[in-house]
C-alpha atoms as a PDB file:
ATOM      1  CA  MET A   1     -55.449  45.067  60.114  1.00  0.00           C
ATOM      2  CA  ASN A   2     -55.933  48.445  59.398  1.00  0.00           C
ATOM      3  CA  PRO A   3     -58.668  49.915  56.828  1.00  0.00           C
ATOM      4  CA  LEU A   4     -57.336  51.569  53.773  1.00  0.00           C
ATOM      5  CA  THR A   5     -58.626  55.307  53.119  1.00  0.00           C
ATOM      6  CA  PRO A   6     -60.616  56.147  50.984  1.00  0.00           C
ATOM      7  CA  ALA A   7     -57.628  57.720  49.315  1.00  0.00           C
ATOM      8  CA  GLU A   8     -55.629  54.283  49.327  1.00  0.00           C
ATOM      9  CA  ARG A   9     -58.473  52.358  47.857  1.00  0.00           C
ATOM     10  CA  GLU A  10     -59.107  54.835  44.819  1.00  0.00           C
ATOM     11  CA  ARG A  11     -55.354  54.673  44.391  1.00  0.00           C
ATOM     12  CA  ARG A  12     -55.022  50.829  44.482  1.00  0.00           C
ATOM     13  CA  ALA A  13     -57.804  50.571  41.877  1.00  0.00           C
ATOM     14  CA  LYS A  14     -56.215  53.317  39.700  1.00  0.00           C
ATOM     15  CA  TRP A  15     -52.841  50.674  38.865  1.00  0.00           C
ATOM     16  CA  LEU A  16     -55.285  47.594  38.876  1.00  0.00           C
ATOM     17  CA  LYS A  17     -57.427  49.439  35.639  1.00  0.00           C
ATOM     18  CA  VAL A  18     -53.743  50.265  34.432  1.00  0.00           C
ATOM     19  CA  GLY A  19     -52.125  46.828  34.832  1.00  0.00           C
ATOM     20  CA  GLY A  20     -55.585  44.950  33.376  1.00  0.00           C
ATOM     21  CA  VAL A  21     -55.477  47.454  29.905  1.00  0.00           C
ATOM     22  CA  VAL A  22     -51.678  46.231  29.609  1.00  0.00           C
ATOM     23  CA  LEU A  23     -52.763  42.413  30.412  1.00  0.00           C
ATOM     24  CA  MET A  24     -55.405  43.077  27.342  1.00  0.00           C
ATOM     25  CA  THR A  25     -53.163  44.858  24.836  1.00  0.00           C
ATOM     26  CA  THR A  26     -50.366  41.985  25.012  1.00  0.00           C
ATOM     27  CA  ALA A  27     -52.717  39.347  24.793  1.00  0.00           C
ATOM     28  CA  VAL A  28     -54.357  40.372  21.876  1.00  0.00           C
ATOM     29  CA  SER A  29     -51.298  41.367  20.130  1.00  0.00           C
ATOM     30  CA  GLY A  30     -49.481  37.894  20.700  1.00  0.00           C
ATOM     31  CA  PHE A  31     -52.610  36.153  19.713  1.00  0.00           C
ATOM     32  CA  PHE A  32     -52.891  37.945  15.745  1.00  0.00           C
ATOM     33  CA  MET A  33     -49.066  37.701  15.437  1.00  0.00           C
ATOM     34  CA  GLY A  34     -49.772  34.599  16.097  1.00  0.00           C
ATOM     35  CA  LEU A  35     -51.817  34.076  13.019  1.00  0.00           C
ATOM     36  CA  LEU A  36     -49.549  36.015  10.994  1.00  0.00           C
ATOM     37  CA  GLN A  37     -46.942  33.859  11.069  1.00  0.00           C
ATOM     38  CA  THR A  38     -48.974  30.088  10.908  1.00  0.00           C
ATOM     39  CA  ARG A  39     -50.922  31.447   8.213  1.00  0.00           C
ATOM     40  CA  SER A  40     -50.862  28.853   5.027  1.00  0.00           C
ATOM     41  CA  GLN A  41     -49.815  30.550   2.525  1.00  0.00           C
ATOM     42  CA  LEU A  42     -52.429  28.535  -0.065  1.00  0.00           C
ATOM     43  CA  ASN A  43     -54.652  30.113  -1.512  1.00  0.00           C
ATOM     44  CA  LEU A  44     -58.094  28.552  -0.176  1.00  0.00           C
ATOM     45  CA  THR A  45     -60.162  29.487  -3.558  1.00  0.00           C
ATOM     46  CA  VAL A  46     -57.669  27.277  -5.552  1.00  0.00           C
ATOM     47  CA  PRO A  47     -58.709  23.965  -5.174  1.00  0.00           C
ATOM     48  CA  LEU A  48     -55.433  21.370  -4.412  1.00  0.00           C
ATOM     49  CA  GLN A  49     -54.443  18.818  -6.541  1.00  0.00           C
ATOM     50  CA  LEU A  50     -52.920  15.739  -5.372  1.00  0.00           C
ATOM     51  CA  VAL A  51     -51.880  14.487  -8.684  1.00  0.00           C
ATOM     52  CA  THR A  52     -49.853  15.798 -10.624  1.00  0.00           C
ATOM     53  CA  ASP A  53     -51.587  16.359 -14.809  1.00  0.00           C
ATOM     54  CA  ALA A  54     -49.815  14.354 -17.163  1.00  0.00           C
ATOM     55  CA  ARG A  55     -49.099  17.441 -19.299  1.00  0.00           C
ATOM     56  CA  ASP A  56     -46.968  18.367 -16.770  1.00  0.00           C
ATOM     57  CA  LEU A  57     -44.174  14.983 -17.102  1.00  0.00           C
ATOM     58  CA  THR A  58     -41.521  15.187 -18.003  1.00  0.00           C
ATOM     59  CA  GLU A  59     -39.980  12.114 -19.626  1.00  0.00           C
ATOM     60  CA  VAL A  60     -36.307  10.760 -17.352  1.00  0.00           C
ATOM     61  CA  PRO A  61     -33.786   9.570 -19.728  1.00  0.00           C
ATOM     62  CA  PRO A  62     -32.702   6.398 -19.208  1.00  0.00           C
ATOM     63  CA  GLY A  63     -29.915   6.044 -16.434  1.00  0.00           C
ATOM     64  CA  SER A  64     -30.074   9.216 -14.823  1.00  0.00           C
ATOM     65  CA  VAL A  65     -32.126   7.692 -11.649  1.00  0.00           C
ATOM     66  CA  PRO A  66     -28.977   5.859  -9.429  1.00  0.00           C
ATOM     67  CA  ILE A  67     -30.298   2.050  -9.001  1.00  0.00           C
ATOM     68  CA  ALA A  68     -31.592   1.282  -5.337  1.00  0.00           C
ATOM     69  CA  VAL A  69     -29.019  -2.028  -4.249  1.00  0.00           C
ATOM     70  CA  SER A  70     -28.671  -4.139  -0.557  1.00  0.00           C
ATOM     71  CA  TYR A  71     -27.233  -2.783   2.282  1.00  0.00           C
ATOM     72  CA  ALA A  72     -24.055  -5.883   1.677  1.00  0.00           C
ATOM     73  CA  LYS A  73     -23.840  -4.789  -1.759  1.00  0.00           C
ATOM     74  CA  GLN A  74     -23.085  -0.944  -1.908  1.00  0.00           C
ATOM     75  CA  ASP A  75     -19.605   0.129  -2.329  1.00  0.00           C
ATOM     76  CA  TRP A  76     -18.954   2.675   0.362  1.00  0.00           C
ATOM     77  CA  LEU A  77     -15.321   3.085  -0.878  1.00  0.00           C
ATOM     78  CA  ARG A  78     -16.594   4.954  -3.990  1.00  0.00           C
ATOM     79  CA  GLU A  79     -19.791   6.265  -2.307  1.00  0.00           C
ATOM     80  CA  GLY A  80     -18.957   6.190   1.765  1.00  0.00           C
ATOM     81  CA  SER A  81     -18.085   9.754   3.429  1.00  0.00           C
ATOM     82  CA  ASN A  82     -14.184   8.568   2.106  1.00  0.00           C
ATOM     83  CA  ALA A  83     -15.615   8.378  -1.510  1.00  0.00           C
ATOM     84  CA  GLN A  84     -12.776  11.521  -2.660  1.00  0.00           C
ATOM     85  CA  TRP A  85      -9.748   9.532  -0.825  1.00  0.00           C
ATOM     86  CA  ARG A  86      -7.842   7.906  -2.906  1.00  0.00           C
ATOM     87  CA  ASN A  87      -4.540   5.869  -1.995  1.00  0.00           C
ATOM     88  CA  ASP A  88      -2.031   6.041  -5.021  1.00  0.00           C
ATOM     89  CA  LEU A  89       1.385   4.515  -4.297  1.00  0.00           C
ATOM     90  CA  ALA A  90       2.604   5.604  -7.435  1.00  0.00           C
ATOM     91  CA  LYS A  91       2.100   9.647  -6.425  1.00  0.00           C
ATOM     92  CA  LEU A  92       3.994   9.153  -3.374  1.00  0.00           C
ATOM     93  CA  ILE A  93       6.938  12.424  -3.466  1.00  0.00           C
ATOM     94  CA  GLN A  94      10.254  10.011  -4.517  1.00  0.00           C
ATOM     95  CA  PRO A  95      13.800  11.222  -3.084  1.00  0.00           C
ATOM     96  CA  PRO A  96      15.594  13.156  -5.700  1.00  0.00           C
ATOM     97  CA  PRO A  97      18.881  12.026  -6.434  1.00  0.00           C
ATOM     98  CA  PRO A  98      22.174  12.804  -5.778  1.00  0.00           C
ATOM     99  CA  PRO A  99      23.257  15.764  -7.572  1.00  0.00           C
ATOM    100  CA  GLY A 100      26.670  15.642  -9.086  1.00  0.00           C
ATOM    101  CA  PRO A 101      28.752  12.327  -9.863  1.00  0.00           C
ATOM    102  CA  LEU A 102      28.110   9.638  -7.432  1.00  0.00           C
ATOM    103  CA  GLN A 103      30.848   8.122  -5.710  1.00  0.00           C
ATOM    104  CA  PRO A 104      32.302   4.426  -5.857  1.00  0.00           C
ATOM    105  CA  ALA A 105      30.461   2.696  -3.019  1.00  0.00           C
ATOM    106  CA  THR A 106      33.711   1.598  -0.347  1.00  0.00           C
ATOM    107  CA  ASP A 107      34.287  -2.180   0.253  1.00  0.00           C
ATOM    108  CA  GLU A 108      32.718  -1.741   3.704  1.00  0.00           C
ATOM    109  CA  GLN A 109      29.423  -0.535   2.338  1.00  0.00           C
ATOM    110  CA  ARG A 110      29.709  -3.560  -0.430  1.00  0.00           C
ATOM    111  CA  ALA A 111      30.337  -5.779   2.562  1.00  0.00           C
ATOM    112  CA  GLN A 112      27.449  -4.641   4.499  1.00  0.00           C
ATOM    113  CA  ALA A 113      25.236  -4.839   1.345  1.00  0.00           C
ATOM    114  CA  LEU A 114      26.557  -8.342   1.071  1.00  0.00           C
ATOM    115  CA  HIS A 115      26.048  -9.248   4.263  1.00  0.00           C
ATOM    116  CA  GLN A 116      22.192  -7.942   4.215  1.00  0.00           C
ATOM    117  CA  ARG A 117      21.273  -9.943   1.215  1.00  0.00           C
ATOM    118  CA  GLU A 118      22.311 -13.029   2.900  1.00  0.00           C
ATOM    119  CA  LEU A 119      19.454 -12.730   5.825  1.00  0.00           C
ATOM    120  CA  ARG A 120      16.843 -13.541   3.196  1.00  0.00           C
ATOM    121  CA  ARG A 121      18.544 -15.667   0.687  1.00  0.00           C
ATOM    122  CA  ALA A 122      18.818 -19.359   1.187  1.00  0.00           C
ATOM    123  CA  TYR A 123      22.334 -19.105  -0.888  1.00  0.00           C
ATOM    124  CA  ASP A 124      23.762 -16.723  -3.651  1.00  0.00           C
ATOM    125  CA  GLY A 125      21.360 -16.059  -5.687  1.00  0.00           C
ATOM    126  CA  ALA A 126      17.945 -17.391  -4.787  1.00  0.00           C
ATOM    127  CA  PRO A 127      14.817 -15.547  -4.391  1.00  0.00           C
ATOM    128  CA  PRO A 128      14.601 -13.359  -1.478  1.00  0.00           C
ATOM    129  CA  VAL A 129      12.189 -14.224   1.537  1.00  0.00           C
ATOM    130  CA  VAL A 130       9.241 -11.717   2.011  1.00  0.00           C
ATOM    131  CA  PRO A 131       9.896 -10.019   5.076  1.00  0.00           C
ATOM    132  CA  HIS A 132       6.801  -8.719   5.824  1.00  0.00           C
ATOM    133  CA  PRO A 133       2.955  -9.420   5.623  1.00  0.00           C
ATOM    134  CA  ILE A 134       1.625 -10.156   2.000  1.00  0.00           C
ATOM    135  CA  THR A 135      -1.367 -11.777   0.858  1.00  0.00           C
ATOM    136  CA  GLN A 136      -1.279 -14.434  -1.390  1.00  0.00           C
ATOM    137  CA  GLU A 137      -4.693 -13.413  -4.045  1.00  0.00           C
ATOM    138  CA  SER A 138      -2.491 -11.132  -6.505  1.00  0.00           C
ATOM    139  CA  SER A 139       0.876 -10.403  -7.319  1.00  0.00           C
ATOM    140  CA  ALA A 140      -0.832  -6.645  -8.169  1.00  0.00           C
ATOM    141  CA  SER A 141      -0.198  -5.782  -4.517  1.00  0.00           C
ATOM    142  CA  CYS A 142       3.262  -6.395  -4.957  1.00  0.00           C
ATOM    143  CA  LEU A 143       4.162  -4.847  -8.648  1.00  0.00           C
ATOM    144  CA  ALA A 144       2.238  -1.489  -6.073  1.00  0.00           C
ATOM    145  CA  CYS A 145       5.809  -1.004  -4.399  1.00  0.00           C
ATOM    146  CA  HIS A 146       8.257  -3.192  -6.002  1.00  0.00           C
ATOM    147  CA  GLY A 147       7.346  -2.367  -9.746  1.00  0.00           C
ATOM    148  CA  PRO A 148       8.658   0.767 -10.039  1.00  0.00           C
ATOM    149  CA  GLY A 149      10.895   0.517  -6.752  1.00  0.00           C
ATOM    150  CA  LEU A 150       9.652   3.004  -4.032  1.00  0.00           C
ATOM    151  CA  VAL A 151      11.020   4.557  -1.099  1.00  0.00           C
ATOM    152  CA  VAL A 152       9.266   4.958   1.769  1.00  0.00           C
ATOM    153  CA  LYS A 153       9.966   7.066   4.562  1.00  0.00           C
ATOM    154  CA  ASP A 154      13.146   5.000   5.868  1.00  0.00           C
ATOM    155  CA  LYS A 155      12.182   1.764   3.415  1.00  0.00           C
ATOM    156  CA  THR A 156      13.213   0.968   0.625  1.00  0.00           C
ATOM    157  CA  ALA A 157      11.522  -1.671  -1.912  1.00  0.00           C
ATOM    158  CA  SER A 158      13.706  -2.803  -4.445  1.00  0.00           C
ATOM    159  CA  LYS A 159      12.623  -3.003  -7.799  1.00  0.00           C
ATOM    160  CA  VAL A 160      11.821  -5.958  -9.288  1.00  0.00           C
ATOM    161  CA  SER A 161      14.880  -7.594 -11.331  1.00  0.00           C
ATOM    162  CA  HIS A 162      12.902  -9.945 -13.633  1.00  0.00           C
ATOM    163  CA  ALA A 163      10.077  -9.832 -15.996  1.00  0.00           C
ATOM    164  CA  HIS A 164       6.740  -9.911 -14.071  1.00  0.00           C
ATOM    165  CA  PHE A 165       4.913 -13.211 -13.537  1.00  0.00           C
ATOM    166  CA  SER A 166       1.315 -13.567 -12.120  1.00  0.00           C
ATOM    167  CA  SER A 167       2.744 -15.999  -8.690  1.00  0.00           C
ATOM    168  CA  CYS A 168       4.989 -13.932  -6.900  1.00  0.00           C
ATOM    169  CA  THR A 169       5.196 -16.492  -3.876  1.00  0.00           C
ATOM    170  CA  GLN A 170       5.758 -19.271  -6.157  1.00  0.00           C
ATOM    171  CA  CYS A 171       9.911 -18.123  -5.429  1.00  0.00           C
ATOM    172  CA  HIS A 172       9.376 -15.982  -2.638  1.00  0.00           C
ATOM    173  CA  VAL A 173       8.063 -16.869   0.030  1.00  0.00           C
ATOM    174  CA  PRO A 174       6.623 -15.294   3.748  1.00  0.00           C
ATOM    175  CA  GLY A 175       9.945 -14.688   5.595  1.00  0.00           C
ATOM    176  CA  ASN A 176       8.545 -16.054   8.891  1.00  0.00           C
ATOM    177  CA  GLY A 177       7.184 -19.329   7.355  1.00  0.00           C
ATOM    178  CA  PRO A 178       4.445 -21.675   6.676  1.00  0.00           C
ATOM    179  CA  GLN A 179       1.269 -20.450   9.220  1.00  0.00           C
ATOM    180  CA  LEU A 180       1.363 -24.580  10.504  1.00  0.00           C
ATOM    181  CA  GLN A 181      -0.417 -25.944  13.155  1.00  0.00           C
ATOM    182  CA  PRO A 182       1.741 -26.803  16.528  1.00  0.00           C
ATOM    183  CA  SER A 183       1.772 -31.145  15.379  1.00  0.00           C
ATOM    184  CA  GLU A 184       3.027 -29.790  12.399  1.00  0.00           C
ATOM    185  CA  THR A 185       5.738 -27.760  12.956  1.00  0.00           C
ATOM    186  CA  THR A 186       7.370 -30.394  15.129  1.00  0.00           C
ATOM    187  CA  LEU A 187       7.174 -33.108  12.386  1.00  0.00           C
ATOM    188  CA  LEU A 188       9.042 -30.748  10.719  1.00  0.00           C
ATOM    189  CA  ALA A 189      11.270 -29.628  13.141  1.00  0.00           C
ATOM    190  CA  GLU A 190      12.006 -33.343  12.582  1.00  0.00           C
ATOM    191  CA  PHE A 191      12.637 -33.576   9.426  1.00  0.00           C
ATOM    192  CA  GLY A 192      15.059 -31.050   9.461  1.00  0.00           C
ATOM    193  CA  GLU A 193      17.411 -32.158  12.160  1.00  0.00           C
ATOM    194  CA  GLY A 194      21.073 -33.767  10.688  1.00  0.00           C
ATOM    195  CA  ASN A 195      20.395 -30.301   7.580  1.00  0.00           C
ATOM    196  CA  THR A 196      23.885 -29.653   6.508  1.00  0.00           C
ATOM    197  CA  PHE A 197      22.902 -27.757   3.856  1.00  0.00           C
ATOM    198  CA  HIS A 198      25.197 -24.725   3.151  1.00  0.00           C
ATOM    199  CA  GLY A 199      24.308 -22.527   0.600  1.00  0.00           C
ATOM    200  CA  ILE A 200      26.596 -21.072  -2.078  1.00  0.00           C
ATOM    201  CA  ALA A 201      28.352 -17.786  -0.845  1.00  0.00           C
ATOM    202  CA  SER A 202      28.403 -14.683  -3.153  1.00  0.00           C
ATOM    203  CA  HIS A 203      30.896 -14.586  -5.757  1.00  0.00           C
ATOM    204  CA  GLY A 204      32.673 -11.514  -4.749  1.00  0.00           C
ATOM    205  CA  LYS A 205      33.770  -8.796  -6.993  1.00  0.00           C
ATOM    206  CA  GLY A 206      33.819  -9.183 -10.440  1.00  0.00           C
ATOM    207  CA  THR A 207      37.543  -9.154 -12.313  1.00  0.00           C
ATOM    208  CA  ARG A 208      39.251  -6.815 -14.502  1.00  0.00           C
ATOM    209  CA  ALA A 209      41.334  -7.047 -17.420  1.00  0.00           C
ATOM    210  CA  TRP A 210      43.138  -3.921 -16.719  1.00  0.00           C
ATOM    211  CA  PRO A 211      42.981  -1.450 -14.085  1.00  0.00           C
ATOM    212  CA  GLY A 212      40.420   0.955 -14.690  1.00  0.00           C
ATOM    213  CA  ALA A 213      38.417  -1.320 -17.143  1.00  0.00           C
ATOM    214  CA  PRO A 214      34.991  -1.890 -16.086  1.00  0.00           C
ATOM    215  CA  PRO A 215      34.637  -5.149 -14.020  1.00  0.00           C
ATOM    216  CA  THR A 216      32.659  -8.089 -15.117  1.00  0.00           C
ATOM    217  CA  VAL A 217      29.504  -9.543 -13.863  1.00  0.00           C
ATOM    218  CA  PRO A 218      30.285 -12.017 -11.293  1.00  0.00           C
ATOM    219  CA  HIS A 219      26.809 -13.686 -10.735  1.00  0.00           C
ATOM    220  CA  PRO A 220      24.490 -15.641 -13.328  1.00  0.00           C
ATOM    221  CA  THR A 221      21.858 -12.871 -14.905  1.00  0.00           C
ATOM    222  CA  GLN A 222      19.377 -15.057 -15.435  1.00  0.00           C
ATOM    223  CA  MET A 223      16.037 -13.410 -13.439  1.00  0.00           C
ATOM    224  CA  ARG A 224      18.016 -10.218 -12.951  1.00  0.00           C
ATOM    225  CA  SER A 225      17.541  -8.473 -16.468  1.00  0.00           C
ATOM    226  CA  ASP A 226      17.291  -5.457 -15.141  1.00  0.00           C
ATOM    227  CA  CYS A 227      20.518  -4.595 -13.109  1.00  0.00           C
ATOM    228  CA  MET A 228      18.853  -1.523 -11.566  1.00  0.00           C
ATOM    229  CA  SER A 229      16.995  -3.622  -9.134  1.00  0.00           C
ATOM    230  CA  CYS A 230      20.160  -3.870  -7.450  1.00  0.00           C
ATOM    231  CA  HIS A 231      22.433  -1.553  -8.454  1.00  0.00           C
ATOM    232  CA  GLY A 232      19.735   1.378  -9.208  1.00  0.00           C
ATOM    233  CA  PRO A 233      19.315   4.402  -7.433  1.00  0.00           C
ATOM    234  CA  THR A 234      16.922   2.118  -4.937  1.00  0.00           C
ATOM    235  CA  GLY A 235      19.483  -0.246  -4.292  1.00  0.00           C
ATOM    236  CA  LEU A 236      21.594  -1.205  -1.408  1.00  0.00           C
ATOM    237  CA  ALA A 237      24.073   1.853  -1.136  1.00  0.00           C
ATOM    238  CA  GLY A 238      27.065  -0.889  -1.319  1.00  0.00           C
ATOM    239  CA  LEU A 239      26.093  -2.108  -4.583  1.00  0.00           C
ATOM    240  CA  ARG A 240      24.535   0.911  -6.238  1.00  0.00           C
ATOM    241  CA  THR A 241      26.582   2.497 -10.002  1.00  0.00           C
ATOM    242  CA  SER A 242      27.791   5.439  -9.979  1.00  0.00           C
ATOM    243  CA  HIS A 243      26.605   5.917 -13.659  1.00  0.00           C
ATOM    244  CA  PRO A 244      23.019   4.836 -13.035  1.00  0.00           C
ATOM    245  CA  GLU A 245      22.066   6.896 -16.419  1.00  0.00           C
ATOM    246  CA  ARG A 246      23.308   4.654 -18.809  1.00  0.00           C
ATOM    247  CA  GLN A 247      21.398   2.219 -20.179  1.00  0.00           C
ATOM    248  CA  GLN A 248      23.115  -1.016 -21.677  1.00  0.00           C
ATOM    249  CA  CYS A 249      25.175  -2.388 -18.774  1.00  0.00           C
ATOM    250  CA  VAL A 250      26.001  -5.895 -20.780  1.00  0.00           C
ATOM    251  CA  GLN A 251      27.759  -3.115 -23.419  1.00  0.00           C
ATOM    252  CA  CYS A 252      30.703  -2.488 -21.082  1.00  0.00           C
ATOM    253  CA  HIS A 253      29.485  -5.141 -18.356  1.00  0.00           C
ATOM    254  CA  VAL A 254      30.170  -8.394 -19.516  1.00  0.00           C
ATOM    255  CA  PRO A 255      28.963 -11.514 -17.267  1.00  0.00           C
ATOM    256  CA  THR A 256      31.453 -14.604 -16.004  1.00  0.00           C
ATOM    257  CA  GLN A 257      29.252 -16.382 -15.304  1.00  0.00           C
ATOM    258  CA  PRO A 258      25.687 -16.702 -18.182  1.00  0.00           C
ATOM    259  CA  GLY A 259      24.835 -20.289 -17.673  1.00  0.00           C
ATOM    260  CA  LEU A 260      24.450 -22.078 -14.250  1.00  0.00           C
ATOM    261  CA  PRO A 261      26.586 -20.870 -11.648  1.00  0.00           C
ATOM    262  CA  ILE A 262      29.374 -22.641 -11.869  1.00  0.00           C
ATOM    263  CA  GLY A 263      29.273 -24.262  -8.022  1.00  0.00           C
ATOM    264  CA  ILE A 264      26.572 -26.128  -9.473  1.00  0.00           C
ATOM    265  CA  PHE A 265      29.204 -27.657 -11.910  1.00  0.00           C
ATOM    266  CA  THR A 266      31.200 -28.826  -9.301  1.00  0.00           C
ATOM    267  CA  ALA A 267      28.648 -29.943  -7.100  1.00  0.00           C
ATOM    268  CA  LEU A 268      27.169 -32.356  -9.533  1.00  0.00           C
ATOM    269  CA  SER A 269      30.716 -33.411 -10.912  1.00  0.00           C
ATOM    270  CA  SER A 270      31.599 -34.189  -7.909  1.00  0.00           C
ATOM    271  CA  TRP A 271      27.922 -36.681  -6.645  1.00  0.00           C
ATOM    272  CA  ALA A 272      29.302 -38.172 -10.396  1.00  0.00           C
ATOM    273  CA  SER A 273      32.218 -39.230  -9.212  1.00  0.00           C
ATOM    274  CA  LYS A 274      30.998 -40.506  -6.092  1.00  0.00           C
ATOM    275  CA  GLU A 275      28.402 -42.767  -7.472  1.00  0.00           C
ATOM    276  CA  GLU A 276      31.244 -43.655 -10.149  1.00  0.00           C
ATOM    277  CA  THR A 277      33.001 -44.958  -7.028  1.00  0.00           C
ATOM    278  CA  LYS A 278      30.253 -46.152  -4.636  1.00  0.00           C
ATOM    279  CA  GLU A 279      29.593 -48.609  -7.852  1.00  0.00           C
ATOM    280  CA  GLY A 280      32.659 -50.042  -8.223  1.00  0.00           C
ATOM    281  CA  ALA A 281      33.356 -50.706  -5.113  1.00  0.00           C
ATOM    282  CA  ASP A 282      29.358 -52.934  -5.308  1.00  0.00           C
ATOM    283  CA  GLU A 283      31.422 -54.702  -8.610  1.00  0.00           C
END
């Protein structure tokens, strides 16, 4: 290794001095900049009070401070992340009524509507079964849709045709039947063997006093006080009236069966005749 010449040693010493000055300046500048950024804003000449003076306290109105509750009692629907979310079926936008006068339903549409009604009833006039899952705790969940009658997408919840009662499932049973154990289901099936029950068929169309006269009501009106439930805009297409704006239906359409269905009286009369014949044979 060749030794450095005096000129090279002098040049290296000069650069080392310059580098040392730069490093020293940078270190000193960083030190003082750090002191400026971390300096406390408190005036050390004023003593720090850890307790607020009673004269500075203000009275808090009662009820303005929320009370801490346990986790189990916390209402997350009202105060959680979805506190501003509301589920109100009454605010669903309903399809507007068709413009202009409505045309009476055709015989084909009416037959299709009657067939659809038969699928959910034990006989004509029986309470329809519930075709969807339900909760049997309160009637409020039923009336949310069936109270006013709502159209949700391609499904129509028909309006209740009678006064509102507290227990809907007393008459309207779930369509999938009772949730029984396998042994109970087998016993129920054996009990129902040989059942030849045939429900009452539809009464058909109402009669007219003359061509063009208002047709009579061919079915009983008990528990059917709201005609718009079936014949209104939310009813089946084959049963909708052409003039839903009218208010008093029975002013023109008089019932032909104001009481019980005539089939019941026929069945009772037939049963009474058989009993009389049986008693005569025993004598």
